[in-house]
Amino acid sequence: SNSNAQQAASVMRDLNKEYPCNGGAFFWNAAEDPNGAWSRPLSEGVISPSKGCSVGGIPLPSLPGAGAGAGSGSSPQVPAVDNRLIATVGNWLACPTDAQMEAYTHVLVSFAVTYSWGSRENQCNEQCDILTPVAVCGNAPHAELVAKWRAAGKKVILSFGGAGMGGSWDGLNNCWEHCFGKEEHLAQQLTD
């Protein structure tokens, strides 16, 4: 929703009462979080206090007729995952400042693509090759920002796709079509 920091923190506090390790919150465009005005109150008031909430994992409920995992004598566990505060950085938008990024635990860079932008229609790569280097923000790679975010302990995640691959509303772009049957090639590029 389009909530301000106080509203978002209130919603998250209410959610935490019922589900203390709920996964956290997500902000669409970190460049629109002036000096961390949205993320800082949420991080300090809700996310940080629950840090470590699932250390050691959460026991899974027992199923009738199911024993403990692999004869270990203990209950299976959900992997430990703390609440997160995730910022999306649109690579076509301005780069966020350090103050805007300070409170976030994760950065989602959007999007890796297989096309060159065109004012009328995108120019698809028919081999489904991801354009490299991938733009991070400001339509530029900015490897130094990725390194800075990682050094600050933030997990940086790359999102593949976006409207320009063929999900756009204009019906002109169909770059996904060049990727069908090339899933292994695409997966290899994303994991290299």
N, C-alpha and C. Protein backbone atom coordinates (compact mmCIF):
# COMPACT_ATOMS: atom_id res chain seq x y z
N SER A 1 0.84 -1.19 0.00
CA SER A 1 0.00 0.00 0.00
C SER A 1 0.88 1.23 0.00
N ASN A 2 0.29 2.37 -0.17
CA ASN A 2 1.03 3.63 -0.13
C ASN A 2 0.91 4.23 1.26
N SER A 3 1.58 3.62 2.19
CA SER A 3 1.52 4.09 3.57
C SER A 3 2.76 4.89 3.91
N ASN A 4 2.60 5.84 4.84
CA ASN A 4 3.77 6.58 5.30
C ASN A 4 4.51 5.72 6.33
N ALA A 5 5.62 6.20 6.83
CA ALA A 5 6.45 5.40 7.74
C ALA A 5 5.71 5.00 9.01
N GLN A 6 4.95 5.92 9.59
CA GLN A 6 4.23 5.61 10.82
C GLN A 6 3.14 4.57 10.57
N GLN A 7 2.43 4.70 9.46
CA GLN A 7 1.40 3.72 9.13
C GLN A 7 2.02 2.34 8.87
N ALA A 8 3.12 2.31 8.12
CA ALA A 8 3.79 1.04 7.82
C ALA A 8 4.29 0.39 9.11
N ALA A 9 4.88 1.18 10.01
CA ALA A 9 5.38 0.64 11.27
C ALA A 9 4.23 0.10 12.12
N SER A 10 3.09 0.80 12.12
CA SER A 10 1.93 0.34 12.88
C SER A 10 1.42 -0.99 12.35
N VAL A 11 1.32 -1.11 11.02
CA VAL A 11 0.87 -2.36 10.40
C VAL A 11 1.84 -3.48 10.75
N MET A 12 3.14 -3.21 10.66
CA MET A 12 4.13 -4.25 10.95
C MET A 12 4.13 -4.65 12.42
N ARG A 13 3.92 -3.67 13.33
CA ARG A 13 3.83 -4.01 14.76
C ARG A 13 2.62 -4.92 15.02
N ASP A 14 1.49 -4.60 14.40
CA ASP A 14 0.30 -5.45 14.54
C ASP A 14 0.56 -6.84 13.98
N LEU A 15 1.21 -6.92 12.84
CA LEU A 15 1.55 -8.21 12.25
C LEU A 15 2.50 -9.00 13.15
N ASN A 16 3.47 -8.30 13.73
CA ASN A 16 4.45 -8.95 14.62
C ASN A 16 3.80 -9.57 15.85
N LYS A 17 2.68 -9.01 16.31
CA LYS A 17 2.00 -9.58 17.48
C LYS A 17 1.55 -11.01 17.20
N GLU A 18 1.08 -11.24 15.99
CA GLU A 18 0.57 -12.56 15.60
C GLU A 18 1.65 -13.43 14.97
N TYR A 19 2.53 -12.80 14.17
CA TYR A 19 3.57 -13.51 13.43
C TYR A 19 4.91 -12.79 13.62
N PRO A 20 5.62 -13.07 14.70
CA PRO A 20 6.83 -12.31 15.01
C PRO A 20 7.95 -12.45 13.98
N CYS A 21 8.04 -13.54 13.30
CA CYS A 21 9.04 -13.72 12.24
C CYS A 21 8.34 -13.77 10.90
N ASN A 22 7.80 -12.64 10.47
CA ASN A 22 6.94 -12.60 9.30
C ASN A 22 7.67 -12.34 7.99
N GLY A 23 8.93 -12.09 8.02
CA GLY A 23 9.68 -11.86 6.79
C GLY A 23 10.06 -10.41 6.56
N GLY A 24 9.33 -9.46 7.10
CA GLY A 24 9.72 -8.07 6.98
C GLY A 24 8.86 -7.25 6.04
N ALA A 25 9.46 -6.19 5.49
CA ALA A 25 8.74 -5.23 4.66
C ALA A 25 9.52 -4.95 3.39
N PHE A 26 8.85 -4.36 2.42
CA PHE A 26 9.39 -4.13 1.10
C PHE A 26 9.06 -2.70 0.66
N PHE A 27 10.03 -1.99 0.13
CA PHE A 27 9.81 -0.63 -0.37
C PHE A 27 10.13 -0.62 -1.86
N TRP A 28 9.20 -0.18 -2.69
CA TRP A 28 9.35 -0.31 -4.14
C TRP A 28 10.57 0.42 -4.68
N ASN A 29 10.79 1.67 -4.37
CA ASN A 29 11.86 2.43 -5.00
C ASN A 29 12.66 3.18 -3.95
N ALA A 30 13.82 2.65 -3.62
CA ALA A 30 14.65 3.24 -2.56
C ALA A 30 15.02 4.68 -2.87
N ALA A 31 15.11 5.06 -4.14
CA ALA A 31 15.44 6.44 -4.49
C ALA A 31 14.33 7.41 -4.09
N GLU A 32 13.15 6.89 -3.77
CA GLU A 32 12.03 7.73 -3.33
C GLU A 32 11.87 7.73 -1.81
N ASP A 33 12.88 7.24 -1.09
CA ASP A 33 12.87 7.20 0.37
C ASP A 33 13.84 8.28 0.85
N PRO A 34 13.38 9.56 0.88
CA PRO A 34 14.30 10.66 1.16
C PRO A 34 14.98 10.54 2.52
N ASN A 35 16.30 10.41 2.47
CA ASN A 35 17.13 10.28 3.67
C ASN A 35 16.64 9.19 4.62
N GLY A 36 16.03 8.16 4.06
CA GLY A 36 15.56 7.05 4.88
C GLY A 36 14.34 7.38 5.71
N ALA A 37 13.56 8.39 5.31
CA ALA A 37 12.41 8.83 6.10
C ALA A 37 11.36 7.73 6.28
N TRP A 38 11.23 6.84 5.33
CA TRP A 38 10.28 5.72 5.44
C TRP A 38 10.95 4.52 6.09
N SER A 39 12.14 4.18 5.63
CA SER A 39 12.79 2.95 6.08
C SER A 39 13.35 3.03 7.50
N ARG A 40 13.88 4.16 7.91
CA ARG A 40 14.52 4.26 9.22
C ARG A 40 13.54 3.98 10.37
N PRO A 41 12.36 4.64 10.42
CA PRO A 41 11.43 4.33 11.51
C PRO A 41 10.98 2.87 11.50
N LEU A 42 10.81 2.31 10.32
CA LEU A 42 10.39 0.92 10.22
C LEU A 42 11.50 -0.01 10.70
N SER A 43 12.72 0.29 10.30
CA SER A 43 13.86 -0.53 10.71
C SER A 43 14.10 -0.44 12.21
N GLU A 44 14.18 0.77 12.72
CA GLU A 44 14.49 0.97 14.14
C GLU A 44 13.36 0.52 15.06
N GLY A 45 12.11 0.74 14.62
CA GLY A 45 10.98 0.44 15.50
C GLY A 45 10.41 -0.95 15.38
N VAL A 46 10.67 -1.64 14.25
CA VAL A 46 10.01 -2.92 14.02
C VAL A 46 10.98 -4.02 13.60
N ILE A 47 11.78 -3.77 12.57
CA ILE A 47 12.63 -4.81 12.00
C ILE A 47 13.80 -5.14 12.93
N SER A 48 14.58 -4.14 13.35
CA SER A 48 15.76 -4.40 14.19
C SER A 48 15.43 -5.07 15.52
N PRO A 49 14.35 -4.65 16.22
CA PRO A 49 14.05 -5.32 17.49
C PRO A 49 13.76 -6.82 17.35
N SER A 50 13.36 -7.27 16.16
CA SER A 50 13.08 -8.70 15.99
C SER A 50 14.25 -9.44 15.34
N LYS A 51 15.40 -8.77 15.22
CA LYS A 51 16.58 -9.41 14.63
C LYS A 51 16.92 -10.67 15.43
N GLY A 52 17.13 -11.74 14.72
CA GLY A 52 17.45 -13.01 15.37
C GLY A 52 16.22 -13.76 15.82
N CYS A 53 15.04 -13.30 15.41
CA CYS A 53 13.80 -13.90 15.89
C CYS A 53 13.69 -15.38 15.56
N SER A 54 14.37 -15.82 14.52
CA SER A 54 14.23 -17.22 14.16
C SER A 54 15.56 -17.97 14.19
N VAL A 55 16.50 -17.46 14.94
CA VAL A 55 17.79 -18.14 15.04
C VAL A 55 17.56 -19.56 15.52
N GLY A 56 18.11 -20.50 14.79
CA GLY A 56 17.93 -21.91 15.13
C GLY A 56 16.73 -22.51 14.44
N GLY A 57 15.99 -21.71 13.74
CA GLY A 57 14.85 -22.22 13.01
C GLY A 57 13.61 -22.33 13.86
N ILE A 58 12.53 -22.62 13.21
CA ILE A 58 11.23 -22.77 13.86
C ILE A 58 10.81 -24.22 13.68
N PRO A 59 10.46 -24.93 14.77
CA PRO A 59 10.05 -26.33 14.59
C PRO A 59 8.82 -26.44 13.71
N LEU A 60 8.86 -27.40 12.80
CA LEU A 60 7.70 -27.66 11.95
C LEU A 60 6.69 -28.47 12.73
N PRO A 61 5.40 -28.26 12.46
CA PRO A 61 4.39 -29.05 13.16
C PRO A 61 4.51 -30.52 12.76
N SER A 62 4.16 -31.42 13.69
CA SER A 62 4.20 -32.85 13.40
C SER A 62 3.00 -33.23 12.57
N LEU A 63 3.24 -34.10 11.61
CA LEU A 63 2.15 -34.62 10.79
C LEU A 63 1.80 -36.01 11.29
N PRO A 64 0.52 -36.37 11.29
CA PRO A 64 0.14 -37.71 11.73
C PRO A 64 0.88 -38.77 10.93
N GLY A 65 1.49 -39.72 11.63
CA GLY A 65 2.19 -40.81 10.98
C GLY A 65 3.58 -40.45 10.49
N ALA A 66 4.01 -39.20 10.68
CA ALA A 66 5.35 -38.81 10.24
C ALA A 66 6.27 -38.74 11.43
N GLY A 67 7.41 -39.33 11.30
CA GLY A 67 8.39 -39.30 12.39
C GLY A 67 9.28 -38.09 12.26
N ALA A 68 10.25 -37.98 13.14
CA ALA A 68 11.22 -36.90 13.09
C ALA A 68 12.10 -37.08 11.86
N GLY A 69 12.71 -36.02 11.43
CA GLY A 69 13.52 -36.03 10.21
C GLY A 69 14.67 -37.00 10.25
N ALA A 70 14.73 -37.92 9.29
CA ALA A 70 15.84 -38.82 9.03
C ALA A 70 16.36 -39.52 10.27
N GLY A 71 15.49 -39.92 11.18
CA GLY A 71 15.92 -40.68 12.35
C GLY A 71 16.80 -39.90 13.30
N SER A 72 16.74 -38.59 13.23
CA SER A 72 17.62 -37.76 14.06
C SER A 72 17.13 -37.66 15.49
N GLY A 73 15.88 -38.02 15.71
CA GLY A 73 15.33 -37.90 17.06
C GLY A 73 14.88 -36.49 17.38
N SER A 74 14.97 -35.58 16.42
CA SER A 74 14.52 -34.21 16.66
C SER A 74 13.53 -33.82 15.58
N SER A 75 12.77 -32.77 15.86
CA SER A 75 11.78 -32.29 14.90
C SER A 75 12.49 -31.57 13.76
N PRO A 76 11.98 -31.70 12.52
CA PRO A 76 12.56 -30.92 11.42
C PRO A 76 12.35 -29.44 11.68
N GLN A 77 13.22 -28.62 11.11
CA GLN A 77 13.19 -27.19 11.35
C GLN A 77 13.04 -26.42 10.04
N VAL A 78 12.35 -25.28 10.11
CA VAL A 78 12.35 -24.32 9.02
C VAL A 78 13.67 -23.57 9.15
N PRO A 79 14.40 -23.36 8.06
CA PRO A 79 15.67 -22.63 8.16
C PRO A 79 15.49 -21.27 8.83
N ALA A 80 16.52 -20.85 9.57
CA ALA A 80 16.48 -19.56 10.26
C ALA A 80 16.47 -18.43 9.25
N VAL A 81 15.50 -17.55 9.37
CA VAL A 81 15.38 -16.39 8.49
C VAL A 81 14.86 -15.23 9.35
N ASP A 82 15.60 -14.15 9.37
CA ASP A 82 15.16 -12.97 10.11
C ASP A 82 14.22 -12.12 9.26
N ASN A 83 13.52 -11.22 9.92
CA ASN A 83 12.72 -10.24 9.20
C ASN A 83 13.66 -9.35 8.39
N ARG A 84 13.18 -8.88 7.27
CA ARG A 84 14.00 -8.09 6.35
C ARG A 84 13.32 -6.76 6.04
N LEU A 85 14.13 -5.83 5.62
CA LEU A 85 13.63 -4.58 5.06
C LEU A 85 14.27 -4.48 3.68
N ILE A 86 13.47 -4.68 2.65
CA ILE A 86 13.98 -4.82 1.28
C ILE A 86 13.70 -3.56 0.47
N ALA A 87 14.74 -3.06 -0.19
CA ALA A 87 14.61 -1.90 -1.07
C ALA A 87 14.74 -2.36 -2.51
N THR A 88 13.88 -1.87 -3.37
CA THR A 88 14.03 -2.10 -4.79
C THR A 88 14.76 -0.91 -5.39
N VAL A 89 15.75 -1.20 -6.21
CA VAL A 89 16.48 -0.17 -6.93
C VAL A 89 16.22 -0.40 -8.41
N GLY A 90 15.42 0.47 -9.01
CA GLY A 90 15.13 0.37 -10.44
C GLY A 90 16.32 0.88 -11.23
N ASN A 91 16.85 0.04 -12.11
CA ASN A 91 18.08 0.44 -12.80
C ASN A 91 17.88 1.61 -13.77
N TRP A 92 16.67 1.96 -14.09
CA TRP A 92 16.38 3.09 -14.97
C TRP A 92 16.19 4.38 -14.17
N LEU A 93 16.20 4.27 -12.84
CA LEU A 93 15.98 5.42 -11.97
C LEU A 93 17.29 5.91 -11.36
N ALA A 94 17.21 7.07 -10.73
CA ALA A 94 18.40 7.63 -10.08
C ALA A 94 18.90 6.69 -8.99
N CYS A 95 20.20 6.73 -8.75
CA CYS A 95 20.79 5.90 -7.69
C CYS A 95 20.40 6.46 -6.33
N PRO A 96 20.06 5.58 -5.39
CA PRO A 96 19.75 6.05 -4.04
C PRO A 96 21.01 6.49 -3.31
N THR A 97 20.84 7.39 -2.37
CA THR A 97 21.97 7.86 -1.57
C THR A 97 22.28 6.86 -0.45
N ASP A 98 23.42 7.04 0.19
CA ASP A 98 23.77 6.19 1.34
C ASP A 98 22.72 6.32 2.44
N ALA A 99 22.23 7.54 2.68
CA ALA A 99 21.21 7.74 3.71
C ALA A 99 19.93 7.00 3.37
N GLN A 100 19.56 6.97 2.10
CA GLN A 100 18.36 6.25 1.68
C GLN A 100 18.51 4.75 1.87
N MET A 101 19.71 4.23 1.74
CA MET A 101 19.95 2.79 1.80
C MET A 101 20.31 2.28 3.19
N GLU A 102 20.61 3.16 4.10
CA GLU A 102 21.16 2.78 5.40
C GLU A 102 20.36 1.72 6.15
N ALA A 103 19.07 1.85 6.23
CA ALA A 103 18.26 0.97 7.08
C ALA A 103 17.90 -0.36 6.44
N TYR A 104 18.12 -0.49 5.14
CA TYR A 104 17.70 -1.71 4.44
C TYR A 104 18.64 -2.88 4.70
N THR A 105 18.08 -4.09 4.74
CA THR A 105 18.88 -5.30 4.91
C THR A 105 19.16 -5.97 3.57
N HIS A 106 18.29 -5.76 2.59
CA HIS A 106 18.40 -6.38 1.28
C HIS A 106 18.15 -5.34 0.19
N VAL A 107 18.81 -5.54 -0.96
CA VAL A 107 18.64 -4.65 -2.10
C VAL A 107 18.24 -5.52 -3.29
N LEU A 108 17.11 -5.21 -3.90
CA LEU A 108 16.63 -5.93 -5.08
C LEU A 108 16.85 -5.02 -6.29
N VAL A 109 17.81 -5.37 -7.13
CA VAL A 109 18.10 -4.59 -8.33
C VAL A 109 17.20 -5.09 -9.45
N SER A 110 16.44 -4.17 -10.03
CA SER A 110 15.50 -4.51 -11.10
C SER A 110 15.85 -3.74 -12.36
N PHE A 111 16.08 -4.33 -13.45
CA PHE A 111 15.96 -5.70 -13.87
C PHE A 111 17.14 -6.05 -14.78
N ALA A 112 17.57 -7.31 -14.76
CA ALA A 112 18.44 -7.82 -15.81
C ALA A 112 17.52 -8.16 -16.97
N VAL A 113 17.95 -7.86 -18.19
CA VAL A 113 17.09 -8.06 -19.37
C VAL A 113 17.90 -8.60 -20.54
N THR A 114 17.18 -9.03 -21.58
CA THR A 114 17.82 -9.53 -22.80
C THR A 114 17.53 -8.63 -23.99
N TYR A 115 17.34 -7.35 -23.75
CA TYR A 115 17.03 -6.43 -24.84
C TYR A 115 17.75 -5.11 -24.66
N SER A 116 17.84 -4.37 -25.74
CA SER A 116 18.27 -2.98 -25.71
C SER A 116 17.01 -2.15 -25.84
N TRP A 117 16.88 -1.14 -25.01
CA TRP A 117 15.67 -0.32 -25.02
C TRP A 117 15.53 0.40 -26.35
N GLY A 118 14.31 0.50 -26.82
CA GLY A 118 14.00 1.26 -28.02
C GLY A 118 12.80 2.14 -27.76
N SER A 119 12.79 3.34 -28.31
CA SER A 119 11.70 4.28 -28.03
C SER A 119 10.36 3.76 -28.53
N ARG A 120 10.35 3.01 -29.61
CA ARG A 120 9.11 2.42 -30.11
C ARG A 120 8.97 0.97 -29.66
N GLU A 121 10.05 0.22 -29.80
CA GLU A 121 10.02 -1.21 -29.46
C GLU A 121 11.42 -1.63 -29.04
N ASN A 122 11.50 -2.47 -28.02
CA ASN A 122 12.79 -2.96 -27.55
C ASN A 122 13.41 -3.89 -28.58
N GLN A 123 14.74 -3.89 -28.65
CA GLN A 123 15.48 -4.74 -29.57
C GLN A 123 15.89 -5.99 -28.82
N CYS A 124 15.17 -7.08 -29.04
CA CYS A 124 15.38 -8.34 -28.32
C CYS A 124 16.64 -9.05 -28.81
N ASN A 125 17.34 -9.70 -27.88
CA ASN A 125 18.45 -10.57 -28.24
C ASN A 125 17.86 -11.94 -28.52
N GLU A 126 17.97 -12.39 -29.74
CA GLU A 126 17.32 -13.63 -30.15
C GLU A 126 17.93 -14.88 -29.53
N GLN A 127 19.15 -14.77 -28.97
CA GLN A 127 19.78 -15.90 -28.29
C GLN A 127 19.44 -15.92 -26.79
N CYS A 128 18.68 -14.93 -26.35
CA CYS A 128 18.31 -14.80 -24.94
C CYS A 128 19.55 -14.55 -24.08
N ASP A 129 20.45 -13.72 -24.57
CA ASP A 129 21.65 -13.34 -23.81
C ASP A 129 21.32 -12.11 -22.96
N ILE A 130 21.64 -12.19 -21.70
CA ILE A 130 21.43 -11.05 -20.80
C ILE A 130 22.45 -9.98 -21.13
N LEU A 131 21.98 -8.75 -21.25
CA LEU A 131 22.89 -7.64 -21.51
C LEU A 131 23.81 -7.44 -20.32
N THR A 132 25.09 -7.36 -20.57
CA THR A 132 26.06 -7.13 -19.51
C THR A 132 26.96 -5.98 -19.90
N PRO A 133 27.48 -5.26 -18.92
CA PRO A 133 27.16 -5.42 -17.50
C PRO A 133 25.74 -4.94 -17.22
N VAL A 134 25.13 -5.52 -16.21
CA VAL A 134 23.76 -5.19 -15.84
C VAL A 134 23.75 -3.81 -15.18
N ALA A 135 22.82 -2.97 -15.62
CA ALA A 135 22.67 -1.66 -14.99
C ALA A 135 22.08 -1.84 -13.59
N VAL A 136 22.61 -1.10 -12.63
CA VAL A 136 22.15 -1.16 -11.24
C VAL A 136 21.20 0.00 -10.96
N CYS A 137 21.60 1.19 -11.36
CA CYS A 137 20.77 2.39 -11.20
C CYS A 137 21.33 3.46 -12.11
N GLY A 138 20.53 4.47 -12.40
CA GLY A 138 20.99 5.54 -13.28
C GLY A 138 21.38 5.03 -14.65
N ASN A 139 20.81 3.89 -15.07
CA ASN A 139 21.13 3.26 -16.36
C ASN A 139 22.62 2.95 -16.52
N ALA A 140 23.29 2.63 -15.42
CA ALA A 140 24.72 2.31 -15.44
C ALA A 140 25.02 1.17 -14.47
N PRO A 141 26.12 0.44 -14.69
CA PRO A 141 26.42 -0.73 -13.87
C PRO A 141 26.68 -0.45 -12.38
N HIS A 142 27.42 0.54 -12.03
CA HIS A 142 27.70 0.93 -10.64
C HIS A 142 28.12 -0.25 -9.75
N ALA A 143 29.15 -0.97 -10.18
CA ALA A 143 29.68 -2.07 -9.38
C ALA A 143 30.15 -1.58 -8.01
N GLU A 144 30.57 -0.32 -7.94
CA GLU A 144 31.03 0.22 -6.65
C GLU A 144 29.90 0.30 -5.63
N LEU A 145 28.67 0.55 -6.08
CA LEU A 145 27.53 0.58 -5.15
C LEU A 145 27.20 -0.83 -4.66
N VAL A 146 27.23 -1.80 -5.57
CA VAL A 146 26.98 -3.18 -5.17
C VAL A 146 28.01 -3.61 -4.13
N ALA A 147 29.28 -3.28 -4.37
CA ALA A 147 30.35 -3.62 -3.42
C ALA A 147 30.12 -2.92 -2.07
N LYS A 148 29.71 -1.66 -2.11
CA LYS A 148 29.46 -0.91 -0.87
C LYS A 148 28.29 -1.52 -0.09
N TRP A 149 27.22 -1.88 -0.79
CA TRP A 149 26.06 -2.47 -0.12
C TRP A 149 26.42 -3.82 0.49
N ARG A 150 27.18 -4.63 -0.24
CA ARG A 150 27.60 -5.92 0.30
C ARG A 150 28.51 -5.75 1.50
N ALA A 151 29.44 -4.80 1.44
CA ALA A 151 30.35 -4.53 2.55
C ALA A 151 29.59 -4.08 3.79
N ALA A 152 28.43 -3.45 3.58
CA ALA A 152 27.59 -3.00 4.71
C ALA A 152 26.70 -4.14 5.23
N GLY A 153 26.87 -5.35 4.67
CA GLY A 153 26.10 -6.50 5.14
C GLY A 153 24.75 -6.68 4.47
N LYS A 154 24.49 -5.93 3.41
CA LYS A 154 23.22 -6.06 2.70
C LYS A 154 23.32 -7.18 1.67
N LYS A 155 22.26 -7.96 1.55
CA LYS A 155 22.20 -8.98 0.51
C LYS A 155 21.68 -8.31 -0.75
N VAL A 156 22.43 -8.45 -1.85
CA VAL A 156 22.04 -7.84 -3.12
C VAL A 156 21.49 -8.94 -4.03
N ILE A 157 20.26 -8.72 -4.50
CA ILE A 157 19.54 -9.70 -5.31
C ILE A 157 19.26 -9.07 -6.68
N LEU A 158 19.47 -9.84 -7.73
CA LEU A 158 19.20 -9.35 -9.07
C LEU A 158 17.89 -9.95 -9.57
N SER A 159 16.98 -9.10 -10.00
CA SER A 159 15.71 -9.54 -10.55
C SER A 159 15.82 -9.57 -12.07
N PHE A 160 15.30 -10.63 -12.68
CA PHE A 160 15.34 -10.76 -14.13
C PHE A 160 13.94 -10.58 -14.70
N GLY A 161 13.82 -9.79 -15.76
CA GLY A 161 12.53 -9.65 -16.42
C GLY A 161 12.09 -8.21 -16.54
N GLY A 162 10.91 -7.95 -16.03
CA GLY A 162 10.36 -6.61 -16.13
C GLY A 162 9.42 -6.47 -17.32
N ALA A 163 8.70 -5.37 -17.34
CA ALA A 163 7.68 -5.14 -18.36
C ALA A 163 8.26 -5.12 -19.76
N GLY A 164 9.46 -4.62 -19.92
CA GLY A 164 10.06 -4.52 -21.24
C GLY A 164 10.40 -5.85 -21.88
N MET A 165 10.36 -6.94 -21.11
CA MET A 165 10.62 -8.27 -21.67
C MET A 165 9.39 -8.82 -22.38
N GLY A 166 8.25 -8.22 -22.14
CA GLY A 166 7.05 -8.69 -22.82
C GLY A 166 5.82 -8.63 -21.95
N GLY A 167 5.96 -8.22 -20.73
CA GLY A 167 4.80 -8.10 -19.86
C GLY A 167 4.22 -6.71 -19.85
N SER A 168 4.70 -5.86 -20.75
CA SER A 168 4.24 -4.48 -20.74
C SER A 168 2.84 -4.36 -21.34
N TRP A 169 2.23 -3.28 -21.05
CA TRP A 169 0.86 -3.01 -21.43
C TRP A 169 0.74 -2.59 -22.90
N ASP A 170 1.84 -2.25 -23.56
CA ASP A 170 1.74 -1.75 -24.92
C ASP A 170 1.64 -2.85 -25.99
N GLY A 171 1.98 -4.09 -25.60
CA GLY A 171 1.87 -5.21 -26.54
C GLY A 171 2.95 -5.24 -27.61
N LEU A 172 3.91 -4.32 -27.58
CA LEU A 172 4.95 -4.27 -28.61
C LEU A 172 6.14 -5.16 -28.30
N ASN A 173 6.45 -5.34 -27.04
CA ASN A 173 7.66 -6.04 -26.66
C ASN A 173 7.37 -7.50 -26.36
N ASN A 174 8.16 -8.39 -26.95
CA ASN A 174 7.94 -9.81 -26.78
C ASN A 174 9.25 -10.57 -26.61
N CYS A 175 10.20 -10.00 -25.90
CA CYS A 175 11.53 -10.60 -25.76
C CYS A 175 11.50 -11.95 -25.05
N TRP A 176 10.48 -12.20 -24.22
CA TRP A 176 10.37 -13.51 -23.57
C TRP A 176 10.31 -14.62 -24.60
N GLU A 177 9.67 -14.37 -25.73
CA GLU A 177 9.50 -15.40 -26.75
C GLU A 177 10.83 -15.96 -27.23
N HIS A 178 11.89 -15.15 -27.22
CA HIS A 178 13.21 -15.62 -27.65
C HIS A 178 13.88 -16.48 -26.59
N CYS A 179 13.32 -16.50 -25.38
CA CYS A 179 13.92 -17.27 -24.28
C CYS A 179 13.28 -18.64 -24.10
N PHE A 180 12.13 -18.87 -24.71
CA PHE A 180 11.48 -20.18 -24.58
C PHE A 180 12.37 -21.24 -25.21
N GLY A 181 12.59 -22.35 -24.49
CA GLY A 181 13.47 -23.41 -24.96
C GLY A 181 14.93 -23.14 -24.66
N LYS A 182 15.22 -21.99 -24.08
CA LYS A 182 16.60 -21.63 -23.74
C LYS A 182 16.75 -21.40 -22.24
N GLU A 183 15.93 -22.09 -21.46
CA GLU A 183 15.91 -21.89 -20.01
C GLU A 183 17.25 -22.20 -19.36
N GLU A 184 17.91 -23.29 -19.79
CA GLU A 184 19.20 -23.65 -19.19
C GLU A 184 20.25 -22.59 -19.50
N HIS A 185 20.24 -22.08 -20.73
CA HIS A 185 21.16 -21.01 -21.12
C HIS A 185 20.93 -19.76 -20.24
N LEU A 186 19.69 -19.43 -20.05
CA LEU A 186 19.33 -18.27 -19.23
C LEU A 186 19.73 -18.49 -17.77
N ALA A 187 19.41 -19.65 -17.23
CA ALA A 187 19.77 -19.95 -15.84
C ALA A 187 21.26 -19.91 -15.62
N GLN A 188 22.03 -20.40 -16.57
CA GLN A 188 23.49 -20.38 -16.45
C GLN A 188 24.00 -18.96 -16.37
N GLN A 189 23.44 -18.07 -17.17
CA GLN A 189 23.86 -16.67 -17.14
C GLN A 189 23.54 -16.01 -15.80
N LEU A 190 22.40 -16.35 -15.26
CA LEU A 190 21.97 -15.73 -14.00
C LEU A 190 22.75 -16.25 -12.80
N THR A 191 23.35 -17.42 -12.92
CA THR A 191 24.08 -17.99 -11.78
C THR A 191 25.59 -17.86 -11.90
N ASP A 192 26.08 -17.40 -13.05
CA ASP A 192 27.53 -17.22 -13.22
C ASP A 192 28.04 -16.05 -12.42
